[in-house]
């Protein structure tokens, strides 16, 4: 964000961030779109992606409990991380 912002009391260089919804189409609210994932979005991926581990004799197979959603796929692409990172490690002991 750049430029000059004027607060209600007339002071400048003060930004107040209020949450709203972009569908409200309010002219008095500026919309901020983030082009990079936040740290919480990245961290959340590694908490929410669930993997099932299946042991079959000496081999182990990992599968997604649920398919990755588009948001997770987008963040992984941005970070240059393969979707297979969660299921890699399939091995034979």
PDB file of N, CA and C in Angstrom:
ATOM      1  N   UNK A   1       0.846  -1.158   0.000  1.00  0.00           N
ATOM      2  CA  UNK A   1       0.000   0.000   0.000  1.00  0.00           C
ATOM      3  C   UNK A   1       0.899   1.231   0.000  1.00  0.00           C
ATOM      4  N   UNK A   2       0.528   2.204  -0.778  1.00  0.00           N
ATOM      5  CA  UNK A   2       1.318   3.420  -0.842  1.00  0.00           C
ATOM      6  C   UNK A   2       0.412   4.605  -1.100  1.00  0.00           C
ATOM      7  N   UNK A   3       0.947   5.778  -0.956  1.00  0.00           N
ATOM      8  CA  UNK A   3       0.158   6.989  -1.153  1.00  0.00           C
ATOM      9  C   UNK A   3      -0.190   7.613   0.182  1.00  0.00           C
ATOM     10  N   UNK A   4      -0.962   8.690   0.122  1.00  0.00           N
ATOM     11  CA  UNK A   4      -1.369   9.367   1.346  1.00  0.00           C
ATOM     12  C   UNK A   4      -2.776   8.943   1.728  1.00  0.00           C
ATOM     13  N   UNK A   5      -2.968   8.771   3.017  1.00  0.00           N
ATOM     14  CA  UNK A   5      -4.264   8.386   3.548  1.00  0.00           C
ATOM     15  C   UNK A   5      -4.667   9.416   4.586  1.00  0.00           C
ATOM     16  N   UNK A   6      -5.908   9.791   4.574  1.00  0.00           N
ATOM     17  CA  UNK A   6      -6.385  10.780   5.532  1.00  0.00           C
ATOM     18  C   UNK A   6      -7.359  10.114   6.489  1.00  0.00           C
ATOM     19  N   UNK A   7      -7.108  10.281   7.779  1.00  0.00           N
ATOM     20  CA  UNK A   7      -7.982   9.708   8.795  1.00  0.00           C
ATOM     21  C   UNK A   7      -9.192  10.616   8.996  1.00  0.00           C
ATOM     22  N   UNK A   8     -10.163  10.146   9.734  1.00  0.00           N
ATOM     23  CA  UNK A   8     -11.389  10.901   9.989  1.00  0.00           C
ATOM     24  C   UNK A   8     -11.082  12.245  10.647  1.00  0.00           C
ATOM     25  N   UNK A   9     -10.097  12.275  11.543  1.00  0.00           N
ATOM     26  CA  UNK A   9      -9.763  13.520  12.240  1.00  0.00           C
ATOM     27  C   UNK A   9      -8.876  14.449  11.408  1.00  0.00           C
ATOM     28  N   UNK A  10      -8.591  14.083  10.167  1.00  0.00           N
ATOM     29  CA  UNK A  10      -7.805  14.928   9.282  1.00  0.00           C
ATOM     30  C   UNK A  10      -6.320  14.644   9.294  1.00  0.00           C
ATOM     31  N   UNK A  11      -5.846  13.825  10.227  1.00  0.00           N
ATOM     32  CA  UNK A  11      -4.421  13.505  10.264  1.00  0.00           C
ATOM     33  C   UNK A  11      -4.070  12.607   9.075  1.00  0.00           C
ATOM     34  N   UNK A  12      -2.833  12.703   8.647  1.00  0.00           N
ATOM     35  CA  UNK A  12      -2.402  11.897   7.503  1.00  0.00           C
ATOM     36  C   UNK A  12      -1.392  10.853   7.942  1.00  0.00           C
ATOM     37  N   UNK A  13      -1.118   9.942   7.033  1.00  0.00           N
ATOM     38  CA  UNK A  13      -0.172   8.850   7.267  1.00  0.00           C
ATOM     39  C   UNK A  13      -0.630   7.902   8.369  1.00  0.00           C
ATOM     40  N   UNK A  14      -1.910   7.824   8.574  1.00  0.00           N
ATOM     41  CA  UNK A  14      -2.478   6.891   9.539  1.00  0.00           C
ATOM     42  C   UNK A  14      -3.424   5.975   8.775  1.00  0.00           C
ATOM     43  N   UNK A  15      -3.243   4.710   8.954  1.00  0.00           N
ATOM     44  CA  UNK A  15      -4.104   3.744   8.264  1.00  0.00           C
ATOM     45  C   UNK A  15      -4.876   2.972   9.317  1.00  0.00           C
ATOM     46  N   UNK A  16      -6.170   2.881   9.126  1.00  0.00           N
ATOM     47  CA  UNK A  16      -7.010   2.049   9.974  1.00  0.00           C
ATOM     48  C   UNK A  16      -7.517   0.911   9.114  1.00  0.00           C
ATOM     49  N   UNK A  17      -7.297  -0.301   9.567  1.00  0.00           N
ATOM     50  CA  UNK A  17      -7.738  -1.469   8.803  1.00  0.00           C
ATOM     51  C   UNK A  17      -8.999  -2.010   9.447  1.00  0.00           C
ATOM     52  N   UNK A  18     -10.063  -2.062   8.663  1.00  0.00           N
ATOM     53  CA  UNK A  18     -11.336  -2.622   9.107  1.00  0.00           C
ATOM     54  C   UNK A  18     -11.676  -3.786   8.203  1.00  0.00           C
ATOM     55  N   UNK A  19     -12.205  -4.816   8.778  1.00  0.00           N
ATOM     56  CA  UNK A  19     -12.591  -5.963   7.988  1.00  0.00           C
ATOM     57  C   UNK A  19     -13.958  -5.723   7.362  1.00  0.00           C
ATOM     58  N   UNK A  20     -14.116  -6.179   6.165  1.00  0.00           N
ATOM     59  CA  UNK A  20     -15.380  -6.058   5.466  1.00  0.00           C
ATOM     60  C   UNK A  20     -15.450  -7.140   4.408  1.00  0.00           C
ATOM     61  N   UNK A  21     -16.458  -7.092   3.604  1.00  0.00           N
ATOM     62  CA  UNK A  21     -16.625  -8.078   2.544  1.00  0.00           C
ATOM     63  C   UNK A  21     -16.646  -7.365   1.210  1.00  0.00           C
ATOM     64  N   UNK A  22     -15.884  -7.856   0.249  1.00  0.00           N
ATOM     65  CA  UNK A  22     -15.769  -7.161  -1.034  1.00  0.00           C
ATOM     66  C   UNK A  22     -17.090  -7.100  -1.797  1.00  0.00           C
ATOM     67  N   UNK A  23     -18.017  -7.983  -1.478  1.00  0.00           N
ATOM     68  CA  UNK A  23     -19.305  -7.979  -2.179  1.00  0.00           C
ATOM     69  C   UNK A  23     -20.205  -6.828  -1.736  1.00  0.00           C
ATOM     70  N   UNK A  24     -19.819  -6.165  -0.646  1.00  0.00           N
ATOM     71  CA  UNK A  24     -20.623  -5.063  -0.139  1.00  0.00           C
ATOM     72  C   UNK A  24     -20.550  -3.843  -1.050  1.00  0.00           C
ATOM     73  N   UNK A  25     -19.520  -3.742  -1.902  1.00  0.00           N
ATOM     74  CA  UNK A  25     -19.351  -2.633  -2.869  1.00  0.00           C
ATOM     75  C   UNK A  25     -19.401  -1.272  -2.192  1.00  0.00           C
ATOM     76  N   UNK A  26     -18.719  -1.144  -1.060  1.00  0.00           N
ATOM     77  CA  UNK A  26     -18.689   0.125  -0.342  1.00  0.00           C
ATOM     78  C   UNK A  26     -17.574   0.993  -0.887  1.00  0.00           C
ATOM     79  N   UNK A  27     -17.907   2.215  -1.311  1.00  0.00           N
ATOM     80  CA  UNK A  27     -16.911   3.138  -1.847  1.00  0.00           C
ATOM     81  C   UNK A  27     -15.985   3.682  -0.775  1.00  0.00           C
ATOM     82  N   UNK A  28     -16.450   3.688   0.483  1.00  0.00           N
ATOM     83  CA  UNK A  28     -15.618   4.229   1.555  1.00  0.00           C
ATOM     84  C   UNK A  28     -14.599   3.219   2.080  1.00  0.00           C
ATOM     85  N   UNK A  29     -14.650   2.010   1.603  1.00  0.00           N
ATOM     86  CA  UNK A  29     -13.717   0.967   2.026  1.00  0.00           C
ATOM     87  C   UNK A  29     -12.830   0.584   0.845  1.00  0.00           C
ATOM     88  N   UNK A  30     -11.535   0.664   1.037  1.00  0.00           N
ATOM     89  CA  UNK A  30     -10.600   0.249   0.007  1.00  0.00           C
ATOM     90  C   UNK A  30     -10.356  -1.245   0.172  1.00  0.00           C
ATOM     91  N   UNK A  31     -10.222  -1.922  -0.945  1.00  0.00           N
ATOM     92  CA  UNK A  31     -10.019  -3.358  -0.909  1.00  0.00           C
ATOM     93  C   UNK A  31      -8.536  -3.662  -1.073  1.00  0.00           C
ATOM     94  N   UNK A  32      -8.041  -4.552  -0.244  1.00  0.00           N
ATOM     95  CA  UNK A  32      -6.657  -4.989  -0.345  1.00  0.00           C
ATOM     96  C   UNK A  32      -6.667  -6.444  -0.783  1.00  0.00           C
ATOM     97  N   UNK A  33      -5.986  -6.711  -1.859  1.00  0.00           N
ATOM     98  CA  UNK A  33      -5.849  -8.095  -2.311  1.00  0.00           C
ATOM     99  C   UNK A  33      -4.401  -8.502  -2.113  1.00  0.00           C
ATOM    100  N   UNK A  34      -4.213  -9.673  -1.568  1.00  0.00           N
ATOM    101  CA  UNK A  34      -2.852 -10.138  -1.316  1.00  0.00           C
ATOM    102  C   UNK A  34      -2.421 -11.044  -2.451  1.00  0.00           C
ATOM    103  N   UNK A  35      -1.237 -10.789  -2.967  1.00  0.00           N
ATOM    104  CA  UNK A  35      -0.745 -11.601  -4.068  1.00  0.00           C
ATOM    105  C   UNK A  35       0.136 -12.739  -3.583  1.00  0.00           C
ATOM    106  N   UNK A  36       0.550 -12.682  -2.337  1.00  0.00           N
ATOM    107  CA  UNK A  36       1.377 -13.740  -1.767  1.00  0.00           C
ATOM    108  C   UNK A  36       0.637 -14.357  -0.588  1.00  0.00           C
ATOM    109  N   UNK A  37       0.856 -15.642  -0.355  1.00  0.00           N
ATOM    110  CA  UNK A  37       0.189 -16.258   0.794  1.00  0.00           C
ATOM    111  C   UNK A  37       0.778 -15.743   2.099  1.00  0.00           C
ATOM    112  N   UNK A  38      -0.054 -15.631   3.091  1.00  0.00           N
ATOM    113  CA  UNK A  38       0.412 -15.222   4.411  1.00  0.00           C
ATOM    114  C   UNK A  38       1.109 -16.403   5.081  1.00  0.00           C
ATOM    115  N   UNK A  39       1.874 -16.110   6.094  1.00  0.00           N
ATOM    116  CA  UNK A  39       2.546 -17.176   6.834  1.00  0.00           C
ATOM    117  C   UNK A  39       1.518 -18.139   7.417  1.00  0.00           C
ATOM    118  N   UNK A  40       0.387 -17.597   7.898  1.00  0.00           N
ATOM    119  CA  UNK A  40      -0.636 -18.465   8.469  1.00  0.00           C
ATOM    120  C   UNK A  40      -1.216 -19.389   7.400  1.00  0.00           C
ATOM    121  N   UNK A  41      -1.420 -18.900   6.173  1.00  0.00           N
ATOM    122  CA  UNK A  41      -1.944 -19.746   5.092  1.00  0.00           C
ATOM    123  C   UNK A  41      -0.986 -20.892   4.805  1.00  0.00           C
ATOM    124  N   UNK A  42       0.297 -20.588   4.826  1.00  0.00           N
ATOM    125  CA  UNK A  42       1.306 -21.634   4.582  1.00  0.00           C
ATOM    126  C   UNK A  42       1.298 -22.633   5.737  1.00  0.00           C
ATOM    127  N   UNK A  43       1.334 -22.126   6.950  1.00  0.00           N
ATOM    128  CA  UNK A  43       1.346 -22.977   8.141  1.00  0.00           C
ATOM    129  C   UNK A  43       0.103 -23.841   8.201  1.00  0.00           C
ATOM    130  N   UNK A  44      -1.035 -23.261   7.857  1.00  0.00           N
ATOM    131  CA  UNK A  44      -2.316 -23.965   7.911  1.00  0.00           C
ATOM    132  C   UNK A  44      -2.344 -25.191   6.997  1.00  0.00           C
ATOM    133  N   UNK A  45      -1.652 -25.106   5.878  1.00  0.00           N
ATOM    134  CA  UNK A  45      -1.623 -26.248   4.954  1.00  0.00           C
ATOM    135  C   UNK A  45      -1.058 -27.478   5.650  1.00  0.00           C
ATOM    136  N   UNK A  46       0.023 -27.284   6.375  1.00  0.00           N
ATOM    137  CA  UNK A  46       0.684 -28.422   6.990  1.00  0.00           C
ATOM    138  C   UNK A  46      -0.050 -28.941   8.220  1.00  0.00           C
ATOM    139  N   UNK A  47      -1.060 -28.196   8.669  1.00  0.00           N
ATOM    140  CA  UNK A  47      -1.913 -28.660   9.764  1.00  0.00           C
ATOM    141  C   UNK A  47      -3.134 -29.391   9.210  1.00  0.00           C
ATOM    142  N   UNK A  48      -3.704 -28.868   8.130  1.00  0.00           N
ATOM    143  CA  UNK A  48      -5.004 -29.357   7.665  1.00  0.00           C
ATOM    144  C   UNK A  48      -4.939 -30.516   6.675  1.00  0.00           C
ATOM    145  N   UNK A  49      -3.840 -30.686   5.980  1.00  0.00           N
ATOM    146  CA  UNK A  49      -3.760 -31.789   5.010  1.00  0.00           C
ATOM    147  C   UNK A  49      -3.573 -33.090   5.781  1.00  0.00           C
ATOM    148  N   UNK A  50      -4.516 -33.984   5.599  1.00  0.00           N
ATOM    149  CA  UNK A  50      -4.471 -35.260   6.302  1.00  0.00           C
ATOM    150  C   UNK A  50      -4.074 -36.364   5.342  1.00  0.00           C
ATOM    151  N   UNK A  51      -3.193 -37.237   5.818  1.00  0.00           N
ATOM    152  CA  UNK A  51      -2.674 -38.337   5.010  1.00  0.00           C
ATOM    153  C   UNK A  51      -2.934 -39.641   5.747  1.00  0.00           C
ATOM    154  N   UNK A  52      -3.352 -40.627   4.982  1.00  0.00           N
ATOM    155  CA  UNK A  52      -3.597 -41.964   5.517  1.00  0.00           C
ATOM    156  C   UNK A  52      -2.376 -42.822   5.177  1.00  0.00           C
ATOM    157  N   UNK A  53      -1.826 -43.529   6.167  1.00  0.00           N
ATOM    158  CA  UNK A  53      -0.678 -44.411   5.944  1.00  0.00           C
ATOM    159  C   UNK A  53      -1.174 -45.844   5.988  1.00  0.00           C
ATOM    160  N   UNK A  54      -0.900 -46.575   4.906  1.00  0.00           N
ATOM    161  CA  UNK A  54      -1.334 -47.960   4.796  1.00  0.00           C
ATOM    162  C   UNK A  54      -0.090 -48.835   4.727  1.00  0.00           C
ATOM    163  N   UNK A  55       0.008 -49.758   5.677  1.00  0.00           N
ATOM    164  CA  UNK A  55       1.138 -50.679   5.688  1.00  0.00           C
ATOM    165  C   UNK A  55       0.651 -52.015   5.156  1.00  0.00           C
ATOM    166  N   UNK A  56       1.364 -52.495   4.158  1.00  0.00           N
ATOM    167  CA  UNK A  56       1.010 -53.761   3.521  1.00  0.00           C
ATOM    168  C   UNK A  56       2.265 -54.623   3.504  1.00  0.00           C
ATOM    169  N   UNK A  57       2.376 -55.438   4.506  1.00  0.00           N
ATOM    170  CA  UNK A  57       3.589 -56.253   4.604  1.00  0.00           C
ATOM    171  C   UNK A  57       4.790 -55.361   4.864  1.00  0.00           C
ATOM    172  N   UNK A  58       5.735 -55.382   3.933  1.00  0.00           N
ATOM    173  CA  UNK A  58       6.946 -54.580   4.098  1.00  0.00           C
ATOM    174  C   UNK A  58       6.857 -53.219   3.423  1.00  0.00           C
ATOM    175  N   UNK A  59       5.801 -52.974   2.668  1.00  0.00           N
ATOM    176  CA  UNK A  59       5.685 -51.687   1.974  1.00  0.00           C
ATOM    177  C   UNK A  59       4.709 -50.761   2.710  1.00  0.00           C
ATOM    178  N   UNK A  60       4.925 -49.484   2.523  1.00  0.00           N
ATOM    179  CA  UNK A  60       4.080 -48.462   3.130  1.00  0.00           C
ATOM    180  C   UNK A  60       3.588 -47.534   2.040  1.00  0.00           C
ATOM    181  N   UNK A  61       2.302 -47.233   2.060  1.00  0.00           N
ATOM    182  CA  UNK A  61       1.716 -46.333   1.069  1.00  0.00           C
ATOM    183  C   UNK A  61       1.015 -45.190   1.789  1.00  0.00           C
ATOM    184  N   UNK A  62       1.181 -43.976   1.262  1.00  0.00           N
ATOM    185  CA  UNK A  62       0.516 -42.803   1.838  1.00  0.00           C
ATOM    186  C   UNK A  62      -0.499 -42.277   0.828  1.00  0.00           C
ATOM    187  N   UNK A  63      -1.679 -41.923   1.328  1.00  0.00           N
ATOM    188  CA  UNK A  63      -2.749 -41.396   0.470  1.00  0.00           C
ATOM    189  C   UNK A  63      -3.380 -40.195   1.172  1.00  0.00           C
ATOM    190  N   UNK A  64      -3.895 -39.260   0.373  1.00  0.00           N
ATOM    191  CA  UNK A  64      -4.638 -38.141   0.940  1.00  0.00           C
ATOM    192  C   UNK A  64      -5.968 -38.652   1.467  1.00  0.00           C
ATOM    193  N   UNK A  65      -6.358 -38.194   2.658  1.00  0.00           N
ATOM    194  CA  UNK A  65      -7.679 -38.527   3.192  1.00  0.00           C
ATOM    195  C   UNK A  65      -8.731 -37.807   2.351  1.00  0.00           C
ATOM    196  N   UNK A  66      -8.468 -36.538   2.011  1.00  0.00           N
ATOM    197  CA  UNK A  66      -9.321 -35.745   1.130  1.00  0.00           C
ATOM    198  C   UNK A  66      -8.431 -35.121   0.063  1.00  0.00           C
ATOM    199  N   UNK A  67      -8.932 -34.953  -1.159  1.00  0.00           N
ATOM    200  CA  UNK A  67      -8.112 -34.284  -2.190  1.00  0.00           C
ATOM    201  C   UNK A  67      -7.748 -32.863  -1.753  1.00  0.00           C
ATOM    202  N   UNK A  68      -6.605 -32.382  -2.204  1.00  0.00           N
ATOM    203  CA  UNK A  68      -6.195 -31.016  -1.903  1.00  0.00           C
ATOM    204  C   UNK A  68      -7.154 -30.043  -2.574  1.00  0.00           C
ATOM    205  N   UNK A  69      -7.552 -28.991  -1.846  1.00  0.00           N
ATOM    206  CA  UNK A  69      -8.434 -28.002  -2.454  1.00  0.00           C
ATOM    207  C   UNK A  69      -7.621 -27.006  -3.288  1.00  0.00           C
ATOM    208  N   UNK A  70      -8.302 -26.184  -4.066  1.00  0.00           N
ATOM    209  CA  UNK A  70      -7.633 -25.263  -4.982  1.00  0.00           C
ATOM    210  C   UNK A  70      -6.753 -24.246  -4.260  1.00  0.00           C
ATOM    211  N   UNK A  71      -7.170 -23.792  -3.081  1.00  0.00           N
ATOM    212  CA  UNK A  71      -6.372 -22.823  -2.327  1.00  0.00           C
ATOM    213  C   UNK A  71      -5.031 -23.420  -1.919  1.00  0.00           C
ATOM    214  N   UNK A  72      -5.058 -24.633  -1.427  1.00  0.00           N
ATOM    215  CA  UNK A  72      -3.821 -25.302  -1.017  1.00  0.00           C
ATOM    216  C   UNK A  72      -2.925 -25.521  -2.226  1.00  0.00           C
ATOM    217  N   UNK A  73      -3.512 -25.964  -3.328  1.00  0.00           N
ATOM    218  CA  UNK A  73      -2.720 -26.185  -4.539  1.00  0.00           C
ATOM    219  C   UNK A  73      -2.064 -24.888  -5.015  1.00  0.00           C
ATOM    220  N   UNK A  74      -2.800 -23.787  -4.919  1.00  0.00           N
ATOM    221  CA  UNK A  74      -2.279 -22.489  -5.359  1.00  0.00           C
ATOM    222  C   UNK A  74      -1.086 -22.054  -4.499  1.00  0.00           C
ATOM    223  N   UNK A  75      -1.204 -22.202  -3.181  1.00  0.00           N
ATOM    224  CA  UNK A  75      -0.113 -21.829  -2.290  1.00  0.00           C
ATOM    225  C   UNK A  75       1.112 -22.705  -2.545  1.00  0.00           C
ATOM    226  N   UNK A  76       0.895 -24.003  -2.702  1.00  0.00           N
ATOM    227  CA  UNK A  76       2.016 -24.904  -2.978  1.00  0.00           C
ATOM    228  C   UNK A  76       2.709 -24.546  -4.290  1.00  0.00           C
ATOM    229  N   UNK A  77       1.930 -24.224  -5.321  1.00  0.00           N
ATOM    230  CA  UNK A  77       2.522 -23.805  -6.603  1.00  0.00           C
ATOM    231  C   UNK A  77       3.347 -22.544  -6.431  1.00  0.00           C
ATOM    232  N   UNK A  78       2.808 -21.573  -5.671  1.00  0.00           N
ATOM    233  CA  UNK A  78       3.515 -20.318  -5.433  1.00  0.00           C
ATOM    234  C   UNK A  78       4.852 -20.574  -4.736  1.00  0.00           C
ATOM    235  N   UNK A  79       4.859 -21.506  -3.790  1.00  0.00           N
ATOM    236  CA  UNK A  79       6.070 -21.820  -3.041  1.00  0.00           C
ATOM    237  C   UNK A  79       7.010 -22.758  -3.801  1.00  0.00           C
ATOM    238  N   UNK A  80       6.536 -23.302  -4.925  1.00  0.00           N
ATOM    239  CA  UNK A  80       7.359 -24.227  -5.702  1.00  0.00           C
ATOM    240  C   UNK A  80       7.484 -25.594  -5.051  1.00  0.00           C
ATOM    241  N   UNK A  81       6.455 -25.970  -4.276  1.00  0.00           N
ATOM    242  CA  UNK A  81       6.463 -27.258  -3.585  1.00  0.00           C
ATOM    243  C   UNK A  81       5.505 -28.206  -4.304  1.00  0.00           C
ATOM    244  N   UNK A  82       5.965 -29.404  -4.572  1.00  0.00           N
ATOM    245  CA  UNK A  82       5.126 -30.408  -5.222  1.00  0.00           C
ATOM    246  C   UNK A  82       4.007 -30.853  -4.289  1.00  0.00           C
ATOM    247  N   UNK A  83       2.853 -31.125  -4.865  1.00  0.00           N
ATOM    248  CA  UNK A  83       1.732 -31.644  -4.070  1.00  0.00           C
ATOM    249  C   UNK A  83       2.070 -33.003  -3.471  1.00  0.00           C
ATOM    250  N   UNK A  84       2.999 -33.689  -4.080  1.00  0.00           N
ATOM    251  CA  UNK A  84       3.377 -35.023  -3.612  1.00  0.00           C
ATOM    252  C   UNK A  84       4.200 -35.011  -2.333  1.00  0.00           C
ATOM    253  N   UNK A  85       4.566 -33.825  -1.860  1.00  0.00           N
ATOM    254  CA  UNK A  85       5.384 -33.748  -0.642  1.00  0.00           C
ATOM    255  C   UNK A  85       4.703 -34.442   0.533  1.00  0.00           C
ATOM    256  N   UNK A  86       3.385 -34.458   0.546  1.00  0.00           N
ATOM    257  CA  UNK A  86       2.651 -35.059   1.648  1.00  0.00           C
ATOM    258  C   UNK A  86       2.603 -36.576   1.571  1.00  0.00           C
ATOM    259  N   UNK A  87       2.745 -37.102   0.363  1.00  0.00           N
ATOM    260  CA  UNK A  87       2.635 -38.556   0.215  1.00  0.00           C
ATOM    261  C   UNK A  87       3.955 -39.189  -0.219  1.00  0.00           C
ATOM    262  N   UNK A  88       5.006 -38.392  -0.337  1.00  0.00           N
ATOM    263  CA  UNK A  88       6.321 -38.966  -0.631  1.00  0.00           C
ATOM    264  C   UNK A  88       6.773 -39.803   0.540  1.00  0.00           C
ATOM    265  N   UNK A  89       7.735 -40.621   0.276  1.00  0.00           N
ATOM    266  CA  UNK A  89       8.245 -41.454   1.371  1.00  0.00           C
ATOM    267  C   UNK A  89       7.702 -42.853   1.292  1.00  0.00           C
ATOM    268  N   UNK A  90       6.930 -43.135   0.221  1.00  0.00           N
ATOM    269  CA  UNK A  90       6.471 -44.501   0.033  1.00  0.00           C
ATOM    270  C   UNK A  90       7.713 -45.355  -0.075  1.00  0.00           C
ATOM    271  N   UNK A  91       7.813 -46.330   0.791  1.00  0.00           N
ATOM    272  CA  UNK A  91       9.054 -47.098   0.833  1.00  0.00           C
ATOM    273  C   UNK A  91       8.781 -48.561   1.075  1.00  0.00           C
ATOM    274  N   UNK A  92       9.806 -49.312   0.805  1.00  0.00           N
ATOM    275  CA  UNK A  92       9.783 -50.752   1.107  1.00  0.00           C
ATOM    276  C   UNK A  92      10.901 -50.991   2.109  1.00  0.00           C
ATOM    277  N   UNK A  93      10.560 -51.556   3.248  1.00  0.00           N
ATOM    278  CA  UNK A  93      11.574 -51.794   4.290  1.00  0.00           C
ATOM    279  C   UNK A  93      12.178 -53.151   4.146  1.00  0.00           C
TER     280      UNK A  93
END
